[in-house]
Amino acid sequence: MKKRVIYNILRASALSLFVLSCKTGVDQKKLQGAWRFDSLYDYYNGFSYMNRNPQPAEVHVYKGANTMLRRGMGHEKTYYYQIEEKQIVISDSLGSSGARHLVLKLDSNQLVLKKENRPLFPGENQVKYEIRFFTRIPSYDLK
């Protein structure tokens, strides 16, 4: 009897920890701010490449009104984003379908996005994706 009670308590605790660790979506407040594009991991059918200094240098600024500014090479372009559970959907015009990015990590210092890409060649069983790594920067660095 005592073992059964302890087992049930441990099982309930493990289940609670699992449920709490599975976030239901992206926290928009954590996303807001400026993020510097640091590196890119590119994968295609078993071949991969890690670019630790992507050029042109870009900064993405997420704002509260579901707008994102992409700054790089002296240019600035406005995009729109929507949060759908653990994905950010980014488009260049309001209401249009956009690129889906799975949020792998979002905390106070780092944003990691995964984007599935179309294969270059026809055929089945192909995997092509990229993972983008961003670091939060203070707004005064946006000169």
Protein backbone atom coordinates (compact mmCIF):
# COMPACT_ATOMS: atom_id res chain seq x y z
CA MET A 1 0.00 0.00 0.00
CA LYS A 2 2.75 2.45 0.98
CA LYS A 3 4.75 1.63 -2.16
CA ARG A 4 1.68 2.22 -4.31
CA VAL A 5 1.11 5.68 -2.79
CA ILE A 6 4.76 6.64 -3.34
CA TYR A 7 4.57 5.34 -6.91
CA ASN A 8 1.44 7.38 -7.63
CA ILE A 9 3.01 10.53 -6.16
CA LEU A 10 6.16 10.07 -8.28
CA ARG A 11 4.09 9.39 -11.38
CA ALA A 12 1.95 12.49 -10.81
CA SER A 13 5.06 14.61 -10.20
CA ALA A 14 6.73 13.38 -13.39
CA LEU A 15 3.58 14.05 -15.39
CA SER A 16 3.27 17.55 -13.92
CA LEU A 17 6.89 18.37 -14.79
CA PHE A 18 6.36 17.11 -18.33
CA VAL A 19 3.21 19.19 -18.83
CA LEU A 20 4.84 22.31 -17.41
CA SER A 21 7.90 21.89 -19.63
CA CYS A 22 5.75 21.78 -22.79
CA LYS A 23 4.97 25.40 -23.47
CA THR A 24 1.84 26.03 -25.45
CA GLY A 25 3.26 28.83 -27.56
CA VAL A 26 5.70 31.64 -28.11
CA ASP A 27 5.78 34.41 -25.53
CA GLN A 28 5.35 37.58 -27.62
CA LYS A 29 6.79 39.76 -24.85
CA LYS A 30 10.04 37.76 -24.89
CA LEU A 31 10.16 38.01 -28.67
CA GLN A 32 9.87 41.81 -28.76
CA GLY A 33 13.13 43.67 -29.17
CA ALA A 34 16.22 43.65 -31.36
CA TRP A 35 17.94 40.40 -32.39
CA ARG A 36 21.28 40.17 -34.25
CA PHE A 37 21.55 37.33 -36.77
CA ASP A 38 24.67 35.47 -35.56
CA SER A 39 24.93 32.19 -37.42
CA LEU A 40 23.17 29.84 -39.81
CA TYR A 41 23.10 26.04 -39.88
CA ASP A 42 22.06 24.66 -43.27
CA TYR A 43 21.12 20.99 -43.75
CA TYR A 44 20.30 19.13 -46.97
CA ASN A 45 20.00 15.33 -47.18
CA GLY A 46 22.84 14.57 -44.79
CA PHE A 47 25.10 17.43 -45.82
CA SER A 48 25.39 20.37 -43.47
CA TYR A 49 27.18 23.67 -43.21
CA MET A 50 27.53 26.09 -40.30
CA ASN A 51 28.05 29.75 -41.23
CA ARG A 52 29.27 31.57 -38.11
CA ASN A 53 29.54 34.95 -39.81
CA PRO A 54 26.60 35.38 -42.19
CA GLN A 55 26.78 38.37 -44.50
CA PRO A 56 25.17 40.80 -44.81
CA ALA A 57 24.91 41.40 -41.08
CA GLU A 58 21.23 41.66 -40.17
CA VAL A 59 19.20 42.79 -37.20
CA HIS A 60 15.56 41.81 -36.79
CA VAL A 61 13.47 44.10 -34.58
CA TYR A 62 10.18 42.58 -33.40
CA LYS A 63 7.59 45.15 -32.37
CA GLY A 64 4.34 44.82 -30.47
CA ALA A 65 2.05 45.52 -33.42
CA ASN A 66 3.03 42.26 -35.14
CA THR A 67 5.63 44.06 -37.25
CA MET A 68 9.24 43.09 -37.70
CA LEU A 69 11.90 45.34 -39.16
CA ARG A 70 14.81 43.67 -40.94
CA ARG A 71 17.86 45.88 -41.06
CA GLY A 72 21.00 45.15 -43.03
CA MET A 73 23.37 46.68 -45.61
CA GLY A 74 21.95 50.13 -44.94
CA HIS A 75 18.41 49.06 -45.81
CA GLU A 76 15.33 48.50 -43.71
CA LYS A 77 12.28 46.45 -44.69
CA THR A 78 9.05 45.93 -42.76
CA TYR A 79 7.56 42.47 -42.38
CA TYR A 80 4.50 41.23 -40.54
CA TYR A 81 4.46 38.28 -38.20
CA GLN A 82 1.89 36.11 -36.50
CA ILE A 83 2.44 33.67 -33.69
CA GLU A 84 0.81 30.27 -34.12
CA GLU A 85 1.61 28.08 -31.11
CA LYS A 86 5.37 27.36 -31.43
CA GLN A 87 5.75 28.97 -34.84
CA ILE A 88 6.31 32.47 -36.13
CA VAL A 89 4.82 33.11 -39.56
CA ILE A 90 6.60 36.00 -41.31
CA SER A 91 5.22 37.65 -44.46
CA ASP A 92 6.01 40.78 -46.41
CA SER A 93 2.41 41.96 -46.62
CA LEU A 94 -0.41 41.92 -44.11
CA GLY A 95 -2.69 38.91 -44.44
CA SER A 96 -0.63 36.98 -46.98
CA SER A 97 0.74 33.51 -46.31
CA GLY A 98 4.30 33.64 -45.16
CA ALA A 99 7.35 31.64 -44.21
CA ARG A 100 6.88 29.44 -41.14
CA HIS A 101 9.65 29.36 -38.55
CA LEU A 102 9.57 26.87 -35.70
CA VAL A 103 10.85 28.46 -32.49
CA LEU A 104 13.43 26.04 -31.08
CA LYS A 105 14.57 28.39 -28.33
CA LEU A 106 13.48 31.76 -27.00
CA ASP A 107 14.83 33.23 -23.82
CA SER A 108 16.10 36.62 -22.69
CA ASN A 109 19.35 36.27 -24.68
CA GLN A 110 18.83 33.88 -27.59
CA LEU A 111 16.32 33.20 -30.35
CA VAL A 112 16.68 30.07 -32.51
CA LEU A 113 14.40 29.56 -35.52
CA LYS A 114 14.10 26.54 -37.82
CA LYS A 115 12.71 26.92 -41.32
CA GLU A 116 11.87 23.96 -43.58
CA ASN A 117 12.96 24.63 -47.18
CA ARG A 118 11.97 23.09 -50.50
CA PRO A 119 14.38 20.54 -51.95
CA LEU A 120 16.41 21.66 -54.95
CA PHE A 121 15.81 18.46 -56.90
CA PRO A 122 12.62 16.48 -57.54
CA GLY A 123 12.07 13.27 -55.66
CA GLU A 124 10.95 11.85 -52.36
CA ASN A 125 12.63 11.46 -48.97
CA GLN A 126 14.52 14.74 -49.09
CA VAL A 127 15.18 16.89 -46.04
CA LYS A 128 16.23 20.52 -46.35
CA TYR A 129 16.11 23.08 -43.57
CA GLU A 130 17.99 25.94 -41.99
CA ILE A 131 18.40 26.97 -38.38
CA ARG A 132 19.03 30.64 -37.65
CA PHE A 133 20.64 31.78 -34.40
CA PHE A 134 20.00 35.27 -33.02
CA THR A 135 21.35 37.14 -30.00
CA ARG A 136 19.41 39.90 -28.30
CA ILE A 137 21.05 43.32 -28.54
CA PRO A 138 20.19 46.55 -26.77
CA SER A 139 18.15 49.05 -28.75
CA TYR A 140 20.93 51.67 -28.53
CA ASP A 141 23.06 49.40 -30.76
CA LEU A 142 20.63 50.04 -33.65
CA LYS A 143 22.50 52.87 -35.31
